[in-house]
Amino acid sequence: ARLYAQSSLKAKYGNYTLAINVQDLGAPPNFVVGNLNICVTDFNDNAPQFISPPQNITIRIPENATVGSPVITVTAIDADVGPNAAVRYRLKQDNTGDWSTFSVDQDS
């Protein structure tokens, strides 16, 4: 017997326990009931979103800023759950090399 989802499982992640009844066609019929444990896992269907600062903002820092001093804190979230909700930061490399002037803590 095949088990099918009767409706969308979107956002229905979690654990489900189903009882399934199996019966033979004898007379009298014999049957047994078993449990199925089903775990619906989150699908990575949400992209991270910036919370702060707004995108395309200009940040001004003095040229005599101390090396290693924080420039700005960037915050993003992801609406997925578990490992799919974890975000990682990195500077996008470009042809100008501007990205190499700064560094980012990818997991902060």
Foldseek 3Di string as FASTA:
>chain_A
DDDDDPDDCAVVFDKDKDKDKDWDPDVVIDIDIDIDIDGHAWDLPWDKDWPPDDPPDDFDDDPPDDPPDDRDDTDIFTPIDDPSTQFFDFDDDDPVRPRVVDGDRGRD
